[in-house]
Amino acid sequence: MIIKGARQIGKTTSIRQFAKKNYKSLVELNFIRNPEYIQAFENTSNPKDIIMALSLVNPNFNFIPGKTLLFIDEIQKYPNAATSLKFFYEQHEYDVFIRF
């Protein structure tokens, strides 16, 4: 799902609340605040490899297949990450929301 809208209207808050009600785990990436997450997307588009790399960067992430929402914020700062999203869709293990 792609979330777009004006600044400061509650997009991120809405996503967090939605995740809290509908998922066991929320993994939130912000490519501006935490540019270290970008490296997980640099050499692969394979979701399993990306999940493993993100887990190494942040061991607190809890990826539960079918029960995790991956929320990527500020994805426009790293367009290569957007390419991998079609592979997440094909695998159907994790739902992905992106916010521009």
PDB file of N, CA and C in Angstrom:
ATOM      1  N   MET A   1       0.849  -1.167   0.000  1.00  0.00           N
ATOM      2  CA  MET A   1       0.000   0.000   0.000  1.00  0.00           C
ATOM      3  C   MET A   1       0.899   1.235   0.000  1.00  0.00           C
ATOM      4  N   ILE A   2       0.539   2.205  -0.766  1.00  0.00           N
ATOM      5  CA  ILE A   2       1.278   3.462  -0.847  1.00  0.00           C
ATOM      6  C   ILE A   2       0.451   4.540  -0.154  1.00  0.00           C
ATOM      7  N   ILE A   3       1.087   5.257   0.760  1.00  0.00           N
ATOM      8  CA  ILE A   3       0.434   6.329   1.502  1.00  0.00           C
ATOM      9  C   ILE A   3       1.075   7.649   1.080  1.00  0.00           C
ATOM     10  N   LYS A   4       0.255   8.561   0.564  1.00  0.00           N
ATOM     11  CA  LYS A   4       0.740   9.887   0.176  1.00  0.00           C
ATOM     12  C   LYS A   4      -0.224  10.913   0.740  1.00  0.00           C
ATOM     13  N   GLY A   5       0.277  12.091   0.986  1.00  0.00           N
ATOM     14  CA  GLY A   5      -0.587  13.153   1.458  1.00  0.00           C
ATOM     15  C   GLY A   5       0.219  14.334   1.952  1.00  0.00           C
ATOM     16  N   ALA A   6      -0.487  15.362   2.354  1.00  0.00           N
ATOM     17  CA  ALA A   6       0.150  16.575   2.861  1.00  0.00           C
ATOM     18  C   ALA A   6       0.955  16.263   4.123  1.00  0.00           C
ATOM     19  N   ARG A   7       1.845  17.154   4.443  1.00  0.00           N
ATOM     20  CA  ARG A   7       2.683  16.986   5.638  1.00  0.00           C
ATOM     21  C   ARG A   7       1.868  17.178   6.912  1.00  0.00           C
ATOM     22  N   GLN A   8       2.270  16.418   7.924  1.00  0.00           N
ATOM     23  CA  GLN A   8       1.745  16.602   9.283  1.00  0.00           C
ATOM     24  C   GLN A   8       0.229  16.417   9.406  1.00  0.00           C
ATOM     25  N   ILE A   9      -0.316  15.412   8.707  1.00  0.00           N
ATOM     26  CA  ILE A   9      -1.755  15.163   8.833  1.00  0.00           C
ATOM     27  C   ILE A   9      -2.071  13.831   9.518  1.00  0.00           C
ATOM     28  N   GLY A  10      -1.013  13.109   9.935  1.00  0.00           N
ATOM     29  CA  GLY A  10      -1.234  11.877  10.680  1.00  0.00           C
ATOM     30  C   GLY A  10      -1.073  10.591   9.887  1.00  0.00           C
ATOM     31  N   LYS A  11      -0.360  10.631   8.759  1.00  0.00           N
ATOM     32  CA  LYS A  11      -0.166   9.424   7.953  1.00  0.00           C
ATOM     33  C   LYS A  11       0.566   8.345   8.743  1.00  0.00           C
ATOM     34  N   THR A  12       1.690   8.701   9.330  1.00  0.00           N
ATOM     35  CA  THR A  12       2.487   7.729  10.082  1.00  0.00           C
ATOM     36  C   THR A  12       1.732   7.228  11.301  1.00  0.00           C
ATOM     37  N   THR A  13       1.082   8.117  12.007  1.00  0.00           N
ATOM     38  CA  THR A  13       0.296   7.715  13.177  1.00  0.00           C
ATOM     39  C   THR A  13      -0.807   6.747  12.777  1.00  0.00           C
ATOM     40  N   SER A  14      -1.463   7.007  11.688  1.00  0.00           N
ATOM     41  CA  SER A  14      -2.532   6.112  11.207  1.00  0.00           C
ATOM     42  C   SER A  14      -1.992   4.728  10.875  1.00  0.00           C
ATOM     43  N   ILE A  15      -0.844   4.683  10.233  1.00  0.00           N
ATOM     44  CA  ILE A  15      -0.235   3.393   9.891  1.00  0.00           C
ATOM     45  C   ILE A  15       0.128   2.632  11.160  1.00  0.00           C
ATOM     46  N   ARG A  16       0.719   3.304  12.121  1.00  0.00           N
ATOM     47  CA  ARG A  16       1.081   2.643  13.380  1.00  0.00           C
ATOM     48  C   ARG A  16      -0.150   2.103  14.104  1.00  0.00           C
ATOM     49  N   GLN A  17      -1.214   2.874  14.147  1.00  0.00           N
ATOM     50  CA  GLN A  17      -2.446   2.423  14.805  1.00  0.00           C
ATOM     51  C   GLN A  17      -3.055   1.234  14.060  1.00  0.00           C
ATOM     52  N   PHE A  18      -3.052   1.286  12.745  1.00  0.00           N
ATOM     53  CA  PHE A  18      -3.561   0.188  11.941  1.00  0.00           C
ATOM     54  C   PHE A  18      -2.755  -1.078  12.216  1.00  0.00           C
ATOM     55  N   ALA A  19      -1.432  -0.948  12.245  1.00  0.00           N
ATOM     56  CA  ALA A  19      -0.567  -2.102  12.498  1.00  0.00           C
ATOM     57  C   ALA A  19      -0.817  -2.686  13.886  1.00  0.00           C
ATOM     58  N   LYS A  20      -0.979  -1.828  14.859  1.00  0.00           N
ATOM     59  CA  LYS A  20      -1.204  -2.287  16.236  1.00  0.00           C
ATOM     60  C   LYS A  20      -2.471  -3.137  16.341  1.00  0.00           C
ATOM     61  N   LYS A  21      -3.494  -2.780  15.578  1.00  0.00           N
ATOM     62  CA  LYS A  21      -4.771  -3.501  15.632  1.00  0.00           C
ATOM     63  C   LYS A  21      -4.780  -4.763  14.763  1.00  0.00           C
ATOM     64  N   ASN A  22      -3.929  -4.810  13.730  1.00  0.00           N
ATOM     65  CA  ASN A  22      -4.050  -5.873  12.732  1.00  0.00           C
ATOM     66  C   ASN A  22      -2.846  -6.786  12.569  1.00  0.00           C
ATOM     67  N   TYR A  23      -1.745  -6.492  13.253  1.00  0.00           N
ATOM     68  CA  TYR A  23      -0.524  -7.282  13.089  1.00  0.00           C
ATOM     69  C   TYR A  23       0.099  -7.560  14.455  1.00  0.00           C
ATOM     70  N   LYS A  24       0.852  -8.643  14.520  1.00  0.00           N
ATOM     71  CA  LYS A  24       1.591  -8.932  15.754  1.00  0.00           C
ATOM     72  C   LYS A  24       2.879  -8.130  15.823  1.00  0.00           C
ATOM     73  N   SER A  25       3.391  -7.728  14.657  1.00  0.00           N
ATOM     74  CA  SER A  25       4.673  -7.031  14.626  1.00  0.00           C
ATOM     75  C   SER A  25       4.648  -5.919  13.580  1.00  0.00           C
ATOM     76  N   LEU A  26       5.251  -4.789  13.942  1.00  0.00           N
ATOM     77  CA  LEU A  26       5.461  -3.676  13.023  1.00  0.00           C
ATOM     78  C   LEU A  26       6.956  -3.440  12.927  1.00  0.00           C
ATOM     79  N   VAL A  27       7.475  -3.494  11.714  1.00  0.00           N
ATOM     80  CA  VAL A  27       8.874  -3.164  11.471  1.00  0.00           C
ATOM     81  C   VAL A  27       8.869  -1.868  10.677  1.00  0.00           C
ATOM     82  N   GLU A  28       9.394  -0.825  11.286  1.00  0.00           N
ATOM     83  CA  GLU A  28       9.354   0.505  10.684  1.00  0.00           C
ATOM     84  C   GLU A  28      10.751   0.936  10.268  1.00  0.00           C
ATOM     85  N   LEU A  29      10.896   1.275   8.989  1.00  0.00           N
ATOM     86  CA  LEU A  29      12.159   1.767   8.449  1.00  0.00           C
ATOM     87  C   LEU A  29      11.962   3.199   7.986  1.00  0.00           C
ATOM     88  N   ASN A  30      12.870   4.069   8.377  1.00  0.00           N
ATOM     89  CA  ASN A  30      12.857   5.440   7.895  1.00  0.00           C
ATOM     90  C   ASN A  30      14.231   5.701   7.297  1.00  0.00           C
ATOM     91  N   PHE A  31      14.270   5.847   5.975  1.00  0.00           N
ATOM     92  CA  PHE A  31      15.557   5.954   5.284  1.00  0.00           C
ATOM     93  C   PHE A  31      16.266   7.279   5.529  1.00  0.00           C
ATOM     94  N   ILE A  32      15.576   8.280   6.041  1.00  0.00           N
ATOM     95  CA  ILE A  32      16.251   9.536   6.394  1.00  0.00           C
ATOM     96  C   ILE A  32      16.800   9.453   7.814  1.00  0.00           C
ATOM     97  N   ARG A  33      15.962   9.031   8.738  1.00  0.00           N
ATOM     98  CA  ARG A  33      16.368   8.944  10.139  1.00  0.00           C
ATOM     99  C   ARG A  33      17.388   7.832  10.367  1.00  0.00           C
ATOM    100  N   ASN A  34      17.244   6.717   9.645  1.00  0.00           N
ATOM    101  CA  ASN A  34      18.116   5.558   9.831  1.00  0.00           C
ATOM    102  C   ASN A  34      18.644   5.081   8.478  1.00  0.00           C
ATOM    103  N   PRO A  35      19.592   5.796   7.889  1.00  0.00           N
ATOM    104  CA  PRO A  35      20.095   5.419   6.564  1.00  0.00           C
ATOM    105  C   PRO A  35      20.809   4.063   6.548  1.00  0.00           C
ATOM    106  N   GLU A  36      21.151   3.520   7.701  1.00  0.00           N
ATOM    107  CA  GLU A  36      21.806   2.213   7.742  1.00  0.00           C
ATOM    108  C   GLU A  36      20.905   1.098   7.207  1.00  0.00           C
ATOM    109  N   TYR A  37      19.603   1.324   7.178  1.00  0.00           N
ATOM    110  CA  TYR A  37      18.686   0.302   6.651  1.00  0.00           C
ATOM    111  C   TYR A  37      18.769   0.183   5.133  1.00  0.00           C
ATOM    112  N   ILE A  38      19.251   1.205   4.475  1.00  0.00           N
ATOM    113  CA  ILE A  38      19.355   1.195   3.017  1.00  0.00           C
ATOM    114  C   ILE A  38      20.247   0.065   2.540  1.00  0.00           C
ATOM    115  N   GLN A  39      21.290  -0.245   3.289  1.00  0.00           N
ATOM    116  CA  GLN A  39      22.238  -1.274   2.853  1.00  0.00           C
ATOM    117  C   GLN A  39      21.576  -2.635   2.662  1.00  0.00           C
ATOM    118  N   ALA A  40      20.480  -2.902   3.351  1.00  0.00           N
ATOM    119  CA  ALA A  40      19.787  -4.184   3.214  1.00  0.00           C
ATOM    120  C   ALA A  40      19.204  -4.361   1.814  1.00  0.00           C
ATOM    121  N   PHE A  41      18.981  -3.272   1.105  1.00  0.00           N
ATOM    122  CA  PHE A  41      18.357  -3.307  -0.217  1.00  0.00           C
ATOM    123  C   PHE A  41      19.374  -3.144  -1.346  1.00  0.00           C
ATOM    124  N   GLU A  42      20.652  -2.951  -1.019  1.00  0.00           N
ATOM    125  CA  GLU A  42      21.631  -2.580  -2.037  1.00  0.00           C
ATOM    126  C   GLU A  42      22.004  -3.692  -3.001  1.00  0.00           C
ATOM    127  N   ASN A  43      22.169  -4.906  -2.538  1.00  0.00           N
ATOM    128  CA  ASN A  43      22.693  -5.964  -3.405  1.00  0.00           C
ATOM    129  C   ASN A  43      21.686  -7.046  -3.760  1.00  0.00           C
ATOM    130  N   THR A  44      20.442  -6.860  -3.370  1.00  0.00           N
ATOM    131  CA  THR A  44      19.453  -7.899  -3.618  1.00  0.00           C
ATOM    132  C   THR A  44      18.047  -7.322  -3.673  1.00  0.00           C
ATOM    133  N   SER A  45      17.176  -8.040  -4.363  1.00  0.00           N
ATOM    134  CA  SER A  45      15.748  -7.738  -4.334  1.00  0.00           C
ATOM    135  C   SER A  45      14.988  -8.887  -3.687  1.00  0.00           C
ATOM    136  N   ASN A  46      15.704  -9.887  -3.223  1.00  0.00           N
ATOM    137  CA  ASN A  46      15.100 -11.061  -2.610  1.00  0.00           C
ATOM    138  C   ASN A  46      14.621 -10.720  -1.197  1.00  0.00           C
ATOM    139  N   PRO A  47      13.319 -10.835  -0.938  1.00  0.00           N
ATOM    140  CA  PRO A  47      12.799 -10.474   0.381  1.00  0.00           C
ATOM    141  C   PRO A  47      13.460 -11.217   1.543  1.00  0.00           C
ATOM    142  N   LYS A  48      13.761 -12.505   1.359  1.00  0.00           N
ATOM    143  CA  LYS A  48      14.397 -13.263   2.455  1.00  0.00           C
ATOM    144  C   LYS A  48      15.770 -12.690   2.793  1.00  0.00           C
ATOM    145  N   ASP A  49      16.529 -12.305   1.765  1.00  0.00           N
ATOM    146  CA  ASP A  49      17.847 -11.700   1.997  1.00  0.00           C
ATOM    147  C   ASP A  49      17.715 -10.331   2.648  1.00  0.00           C
ATOM    148  N   ILE A  50      16.720  -9.570   2.225  1.00  0.00           N
ATOM    149  CA  ILE A  50      16.494  -8.241   2.805  1.00  0.00           C
ATOM    150  C   ILE A  50      16.102  -8.369   4.273  1.00  0.00           C
ATOM    151  N   ILE A  51      15.204  -9.297   4.578  1.00  0.00           N
ATOM    152  CA  ILE A  51      14.776  -9.515   5.963  1.00  0.00           C
ATOM    153  C   ILE A  51      15.966  -9.917   6.826  1.00  0.00           C
ATOM    154  N   MET A  52      16.806 -10.803   6.310  1.00  0.00           N
ATOM    155  CA  MET A  52      17.985 -11.233   7.067  1.00  0.00           C
ATOM    156  C   MET A  52      18.927 -10.052   7.320  1.00  0.00           C
ATOM    157  N   ALA A  53      19.162  -9.243   6.280  1.00  0.00           N
ATOM    158  CA  ALA A  53      20.058  -8.092   6.425  1.00  0.00           C
ATOM    159  C   ALA A  53      19.489  -7.071   7.414  1.00  0.00           C
ATOM    160  N   LEU A  54      18.192  -6.822   7.354  1.00  0.00           N
ATOM    161  CA  LEU A  54      17.577  -5.880   8.302  1.00  0.00           C
ATOM    162  C   LEU A  54      17.668  -6.408   9.731  1.00  0.00           C
ATOM    163  N   SER A  55      17.509  -7.708   9.893  1.00  0.00           N
ATOM    164  CA  SER A  55      17.612  -8.313  11.227  1.00  0.00           C
ATOM    165  C   SER A  55      19.025  -8.204  11.791  1.00  0.00           C
ATOM    166  N   LEU A  56      20.015  -8.229  10.913  1.00  0.00           N
ATOM    167  CA  LEU A  56      21.396  -8.049  11.372  1.00  0.00           C
ATOM    168  C   LEU A  56      21.657  -6.605  11.786  1.00  0.00           C
ATOM    169  N   VAL A  57      21.088  -5.657  11.042  1.00  0.00           N
ATOM    170  CA  VAL A  57      21.254  -4.243  11.374  1.00  0.00           C
ATOM    171  C   VAL A  57      20.524  -3.916  12.675  1.00  0.00           C
ATOM    172  N   ASN A  58      19.326  -4.468  12.833  1.00  0.00           N
ATOM    173  CA  ASN A  58      18.547  -4.211  14.045  1.00  0.00           C
ATOM    174  C   ASN A  58      17.966  -5.532  14.572  1.00  0.00           C
ATOM    175  N   PRO A  59      18.654  -6.178  15.503  1.00  0.00           N
ATOM    176  CA  PRO A  59      18.192  -7.464  16.040  1.00  0.00           C
ATOM    177  C   PRO A  59      16.847  -7.379  16.770  1.00  0.00           C
ATOM    178  N   ASN A  60      16.373  -6.175  17.068  1.00  0.00           N
ATOM    179  CA  ASN A  60      15.079  -6.023  17.739  1.00  0.00           C
ATOM    180  C   ASN A  60      13.892  -6.182  16.788  1.00  0.00           C
ATOM    181  N   PHE A  61      14.148  -6.165  15.487  1.00  0.00           N
ATOM    182  CA  PHE A  61      13.064  -6.372  14.533  1.00  0.00           C
ATOM    183  C   PHE A  61      12.537  -7.794  14.689  1.00  0.00           C
ATOM    184  N   ASN A  62      11.226  -7.926  14.654  1.00  0.00           N
ATOM    185  CA  ASN A  62      10.575  -9.221  14.801  1.00  0.00           C
ATOM    186  C   ASN A  62       9.768  -9.502  13.537  1.00  0.00           C
ATOM    187  N   PHE A  63      10.334 -10.289  12.637  1.00  0.00           N
ATOM    188  CA  PHE A  63       9.663 -10.629  11.392  1.00  0.00           C
ATOM    189  C   PHE A  63       8.918 -11.944  11.571  1.00  0.00           C
ATOM    190  N   ILE A  64       7.594 -11.881  11.555  1.00  0.00           N
ATOM    191  CA  ILE A  64       6.738 -13.055  11.696  1.00  0.00           C
ATOM    192  C   ILE A  64       5.967 -13.195  10.382  1.00  0.00           C
ATOM    193  N   PRO A  65       6.273 -14.219   9.587  1.00  0.00           N
ATOM    194  CA  PRO A  65       5.567 -14.363   8.309  1.00  0.00           C
ATOM    195  C   PRO A  65       4.050 -14.351   8.498  1.00  0.00           C
ATOM    196  N   GLY A  66       3.383 -13.543   7.669  1.00  0.00           N
ATOM    197  CA  GLY A  66       1.938 -13.435   7.713  1.00  0.00           C
ATOM    198  C   GLY A  66       1.387 -12.561   8.826  1.00  0.00           C
ATOM    199  N   LYS A  67       2.275 -12.084   9.725  1.00  0.00           N
ATOM    200  CA  LYS A  67       1.810 -11.312  10.880  1.00  0.00           C
ATOM    201  C   LYS A  67       2.621 -10.045  11.119  1.00  0.00           C
ATOM    202  N   THR A  68       3.406  -9.661  10.114  1.00  0.00           N
ATOM    203  CA  THR A  68       4.258  -8.484  10.244  1.00  0.00           C
ATOM    204  C   THR A  68       3.935  -7.475   9.154  1.00  0.00           C
ATOM    205  N   LEU A  69       3.826  -6.220   9.559  1.00  0.00           N
ATOM    206  CA  LEU A  69       3.702  -5.125   8.605  1.00  0.00           C
ATOM    207  C   LEU A  69       5.055  -4.433   8.517  1.00  0.00           C
ATOM    208  N   LEU A  70       5.607  -4.389   7.326  1.00  0.00           N
ATOM    209  CA  LEU A  70       6.849  -3.665   7.066  1.00  0.00           C
ATOM    210  C   LEU A  70       6.451  -2.285   6.554  1.00  0.00           C
ATOM    211  N   PHE A  71       6.790  -1.267   7.317  1.00  0.00           N
ATOM    212  CA  PHE A  71       6.448   0.118   7.001  1.00  0.00           C
ATOM    213  C   PHE A  71       7.726   0.846   6.625  1.00  0.00           C
ATOM    214  N   ILE A  72       7.808   1.277   5.364  1.00  0.00           N
ATOM    215  CA  ILE A  72       8.998   1.966   4.872  1.00  0.00           C
ATOM    216  C   ILE A  72       8.637   3.432   4.654  1.00  0.00           C
ATOM    217  N   ASP A  73       9.307   4.286   5.392  1.00  0.00           N
ATOM    218  CA  ASP A  73       9.073   5.721   5.336  1.00  0.00           C
ATOM    219  C   ASP A  73      10.215   6.393   4.587  1.00  0.00           C
ATOM    220  N   GLU A  74       9.881   7.396   3.801  1.00  0.00           N
ATOM    221  CA  GLU A  74      10.869   8.170   3.033  1.00  0.00           C
ATOM    222  C   GLU A  74      11.564   7.309   1.973  1.00  0.00           C
ATOM    223  N   ILE A  75      10.815   6.399   1.359  1.00  0.00           N
ATOM    224  CA  ILE A  75      11.391   5.506   0.348  1.00  0.00           C
ATOM    225  C   ILE A  75      11.862   6.268  -0.893  1.00  0.00           C
ATOM    226  N   GLN A  76      11.337   7.442  -1.124  1.00  0.00           N
ATOM    227  CA  GLN A  76      11.751   8.229  -2.285  1.00  0.00           C
ATOM    228  C   GLN A  76      13.225   8.593  -2.217  1.00  0.00           C
ATOM    229  N   LYS A  77      13.824   8.525  -1.048  1.00  0.00           N
ATOM    230  CA  LYS A  77      15.246   8.835  -0.898  1.00  0.00           C
ATOM    231  C   LYS A  77      16.129   7.704  -1.409  1.00  0.00           C
ATOM    232  N   TYR A  78      15.534   6.512  -1.610  1.00  0.00           N
ATOM    233  CA  TYR A  78      16.298   5.379  -2.121  1.00  0.00           C
ATOM    234  C   TYR A  78      15.411   4.550  -3.051  1.00  0.00           C
ATOM    235  N   PRO A  79      15.294   4.964  -4.309  1.00  0.00           N
ATOM    236  CA  PRO A  79      14.385   4.306  -5.249  1.00  0.00           C
ATOM    237  C   PRO A  79      14.678   2.821  -5.486  1.00  0.00           C
ATOM    238  N   ASN A  80      15.924   2.388  -5.323  1.00  0.00           N
ATOM    239  CA  ASN A  80      16.236   0.974  -5.526  1.00  0.00           C
ATOM    240  C   ASN A  80      15.452   0.079  -4.574  1.00  0.00           C
ATOM    241  N   ALA A  81      15.137   0.580  -3.401  1.00  0.00           N
ATOM    242  CA  ALA A  81      14.358  -0.207  -2.446  1.00  0.00           C
ATOM    243  C   ALA A  81      12.954  -0.457  -2.979  1.00  0.00           C
ATOM    244  N   ALA A  82      12.421   0.496  -3.712  1.00  0.00           N
ATOM    245  CA  ALA A  82      11.072   0.347  -4.251  1.00  0.00           C
ATOM    246  C   ALA A  82      10.993  -0.820  -5.233  1.00  0.00           C
ATOM    247  N   THR A  83      12.065  -1.087  -5.943  1.00  0.00           N
ATOM    248  CA  THR A  83      12.093  -2.189  -6.901  1.00  0.00           C
ATOM    249  C   THR A  83      11.846  -3.526  -6.213  1.00  0.00           C
ATOM    250  N   SER A  84      12.352  -3.690  -5.015  1.00  0.00           N
ATOM    251  CA  SER A  84      12.209  -4.964  -4.309  1.00  0.00           C
ATOM    252  C   SER A  84      10.782  -5.224  -3.837  1.00  0.00           C
ATOM    253  N   LEU A  85       9.947  -4.193  -3.797  1.00  0.00           N
ATOM    254  CA  LEU A  85       8.602  -4.355  -3.249  1.00  0.00           C
ATOM    255  C   LEU A  85       7.733  -5.315  -4.046  1.00  0.00           C
ATOM    256  N   LYS A  86       7.953  -5.396  -5.355  1.00  0.00           N
ATOM    257  CA  LYS A  86       7.154  -6.343  -6.137  1.00  0.00           C
ATOM    258  C   LYS A  86       7.465  -7.779  -5.723  1.00  0.00           C
ATOM    259  N   PHE A  87       8.684  -8.029  -5.273  1.00  0.00           N
ATOM    260  CA  PHE A  87       9.046  -9.373  -4.834  1.00  0.00           C
ATOM    261  C   PHE A  87       8.439  -9.691  -3.467  1.00  0.00           C
ATOM    262  N   PHE A  88       8.300  -8.673  -2.620  1.00  0.00           N
ATOM    263  CA  PHE A  88       7.584  -8.868  -1.360  1.00  0.00           C
ATOM    264  C   PHE A  88       6.131  -9.244  -1.654  1.00  0.00           C
ATOM    265  N   TYR A  89       5.539  -8.591  -2.640  1.00  0.00           N
ATOM    266  CA  TYR A  89       4.159  -8.873  -3.018  1.00  0.00           C
ATOM    267  C   TYR A  89       4.022 -10.316  -3.514  1.00  0.00           C
ATOM    268  N   GLU A  90       4.960 -10.744  -4.340  1.00  0.00           N
ATOM    269  CA  GLU A  90       4.904 -12.095  -4.896  1.00  0.00           C
ATOM    270  C   GLU A  90       5.049 -13.173  -3.824  1.00  0.00           C
ATOM    271  N   GLN A  91       5.830 -12.915  -2.793  1.00  0.00           N
ATOM    272  CA  GLN A  91       6.046 -13.920  -1.740  1.00  0.00           C
ATOM    273  C   GLN A  91       4.880 -14.001  -0.752  1.00  0.00           C
ATOM    274  N   HIS A  92       4.158 -12.942  -0.555  1.00  0.00           N
ATOM    275  CA  HIS A  92       2.979 -12.913   0.330  1.00  0.00           C
ATOM    276  C   HIS A  92       3.287 -13.255   1.785  1.00  0.00           C
ATOM    277  N   GLU A  93       4.511 -13.050   2.246  1.00  0.00           N
ATOM    278  CA  GLU A  93       4.829 -13.343   3.646  1.00  0.00           C
ATOM    279  C   GLU A  93       4.700 -12.123   4.545  1.00  0.00           C
ATOM    280  N   TYR A  94       4.943 -10.944   3.971  1.00  0.00           N
ATOM    281  CA  TYR A  94       4.907  -9.707   4.748  1.00  0.00           C
ATOM    282  C   TYR A  94       4.130  -8.655   3.972  1.00  0.00           C
ATOM    283  N   ASP A  95       3.273  -7.936   4.655  1.00  0.00           N
ATOM    284  CA  ASP A  95       2.595  -6.806   4.029  1.00  0.00           C
ATOM    285  C   ASP A  95       3.528  -5.601   4.120  1.00  0.00           C
ATOM    286  N   VAL A  96       3.494  -4.768   3.099  1.00  0.00           N
ATOM    287  CA  VAL A  96       4.395  -3.610   3.043  1.00  0.00           C
ATOM    288  C   VAL A  96       3.570  -2.351   2.781  1.00  0.00           C
ATOM    289  N   PHE A  97       3.769  -1.359   3.629  1.00  0.00           N
ATOM    290  CA  PHE A  97       3.227  -0.014   3.426  1.00  0.00           C
ATOM    291  C   PHE A  97       4.405   0.899   3.184  1.00  0.00           C
ATOM    292  N   ILE A  98       4.280   1.804   2.223  1.00  0.00           N
ATOM    293  CA  ILE A  98       5.314   2.808   2.023  1.00  0.00           C
ATOM    294  C   ILE A  98       4.660   4.186   2.102  1.00  0.00           C
ATOM    295  N   ARG A  99       5.422   5.112   2.663  1.00  0.00           N
ATOM    296  CA  ARG A  99       4.934   6.491   2.802  1.00  0.00           C
ATOM    297  C   ARG A  99       5.886   7.416   2.083  1.00  0.00           C
ATOM    298  N   PHE A 100       5.328   8.259   1.246  1.00  0.00           N
ATOM    299  CA  PHE A 100       6.126   9.270   0.522  1.00  0.00           C
ATOM    300  C   PHE A 100       6.015  10.593   1.228  1.00  0.00           C
TER     301      PHE A 100
END
